Structure formats: C-alpha cells, structure tokens
Amino acid sequence: MAFSDYKHISQVQEAFQIVAQEGCFLILQDMEPPAQFLDEFRFNQQ
C-alpha cells in the first residue's frame, strides 16, 4: 500500500505491527554557553 493511502497513524501501526510510545527523551541540564559564542552573539546584535 502506498504511503498516501494511510490516513491515520493507527493504520500504519496496524499494517506494520508497530507500537508508538510517547515520552520525554531529553534530559535537561543547566549549562553555560561558551564565551566565544556569547562574544559573537553580542557582536552580531550590534
């Protein structure tokens, strides 16, 4: 079946016998941008 024949994600899941899971896969971390980046950012804002 052509991809355009699928109207809903559930049809794709059923046809290919797959399960979709939603979740948070990013781990947030506090970090400072490099000094060179900040210098260039400030320069470009002028």
C-alpha atoms as a PDB file:
ATOM      1  CA  MET A   1       0.000   0.000   0.000  1.00  0.00           C
ATOM      2  CA  ALA A   2       1.302   3.468  -0.854  1.00  0.00           C
ATOM      3  CA  PHE A   3       2.133   5.800   1.997  1.00  0.00           C
ATOM      4  CA  SER A   4      -0.549   8.232   0.814  1.00  0.00           C
ATOM      5  CA  ASP A   5      -3.183   5.513   1.324  1.00  0.00           C
ATOM      6  CA  TYR A   6      -2.767   5.749   5.107  1.00  0.00           C
ATOM      7  CA  LYS A   7      -4.988   8.397   6.662  1.00  0.00           C
ATOM      8  CA  HIS A   8      -4.187   7.817  10.351  1.00  0.00           C
ATOM      9  CA  ILE A   9      -1.148   6.722  12.306  1.00  0.00           C
ATOM     10  CA  SER A  10      -3.177   3.843  13.721  1.00  0.00           C
ATOM     11  CA  GLN A  11      -3.481   2.391  10.203  1.00  0.00           C
ATOM     12  CA  VAL A  12       0.291   2.411   9.807  1.00  0.00           C
ATOM     13  CA  GLN A  13       0.753   0.831  13.237  1.00  0.00           C
ATOM     14  CA  GLU A  14      -1.660  -1.946  12.400  1.00  0.00           C
ATOM     15  CA  ALA A  15      -0.230  -2.604   8.939  1.00  0.00           C
ATOM     16  CA  PHE A  16       3.373  -2.802  10.158  1.00  0.00           C
ATOM     17  CA  GLN A  17       2.613  -4.254  13.598  1.00  0.00           C
ATOM     18  CA  ILE A  18       4.407  -1.492  15.456  1.00  0.00           C
ATOM     19  CA  VAL A  19       3.677   0.339  18.689  1.00  0.00           C
ATOM     20  CA  ALA A  20       4.265   4.054  19.137  1.00  0.00           C
ATOM     21  CA  GLN A  21       5.247   5.329  22.562  1.00  0.00           C
ATOM     22  CA  GLU A  22       5.393   8.938  23.623  1.00  0.00           C
ATOM     23  CA  GLY A  23       7.761  10.062  26.302  1.00  0.00           C
ATOM     24  CA  CYS A  24      10.342  12.583  27.306  1.00  0.00           C
ATOM     25  CA  PHE A  25      13.687  11.586  25.806  1.00  0.00           C
ATOM     26  CA  LEU A  26      15.596  14.787  26.509  1.00  0.00           C
ATOM     27  CA  ILE A  27      17.433  15.243  29.768  1.00  0.00           C
ATOM     28  CA  LEU A  28      17.563  18.893  30.769  1.00  0.00           C
ATOM     29  CA  GLN A  29      20.893  20.155  32.007  1.00  0.00           C
ATOM     30  CA  ASP A  30      21.947  23.572  33.233  1.00  0.00           C
ATOM     31  CA  MET A  31      24.951  24.754  31.294  1.00  0.00           C
ATOM     32  CA  GLU A  32      26.602  27.983  30.247  1.00  0.00           C
ATOM     33  CA  PRO A  33      27.194  28.772  26.570  1.00  0.00           C
ATOM     34  CA  PRO A  34      30.849  29.074  25.583  1.00  0.00           C
ATOM     35  CA  ALA A  35      32.394  32.538  25.959  1.00  0.00           C
ATOM     36  CA  GLN A  36      33.242  32.717  22.234  1.00  0.00           C
ATOM     37  CA  PHE A  37      29.585  32.109  21.361  1.00  0.00           C
ATOM     38  CA  LEU A  38      28.472  34.909  23.694  1.00  0.00           C
ATOM     39  CA  ASP A  39      31.067  37.300  22.241  1.00  0.00           C
ATOM     40  CA  GLU A  40      29.965  36.573  18.678  1.00  0.00           C
ATOM     41  CA  PHE A  41      26.296  36.827  19.654  1.00  0.00           C
ATOM     42  CA  ARG A  42      26.833  40.247  21.225  1.00  0.00           C
ATOM     43  CA  PHE A  43      28.841  41.387  18.193  1.00  0.00           C
ATOM     44  CA  ASN A  44      26.074  40.327  15.803  1.00  0.00           C
ATOM     45  CA  GLN A  45      23.418  42.113  17.858  1.00  0.00           C
ATOM     46  CA  GLN A  46      25.154  45.472  17.327  1.00  0.00           C
END
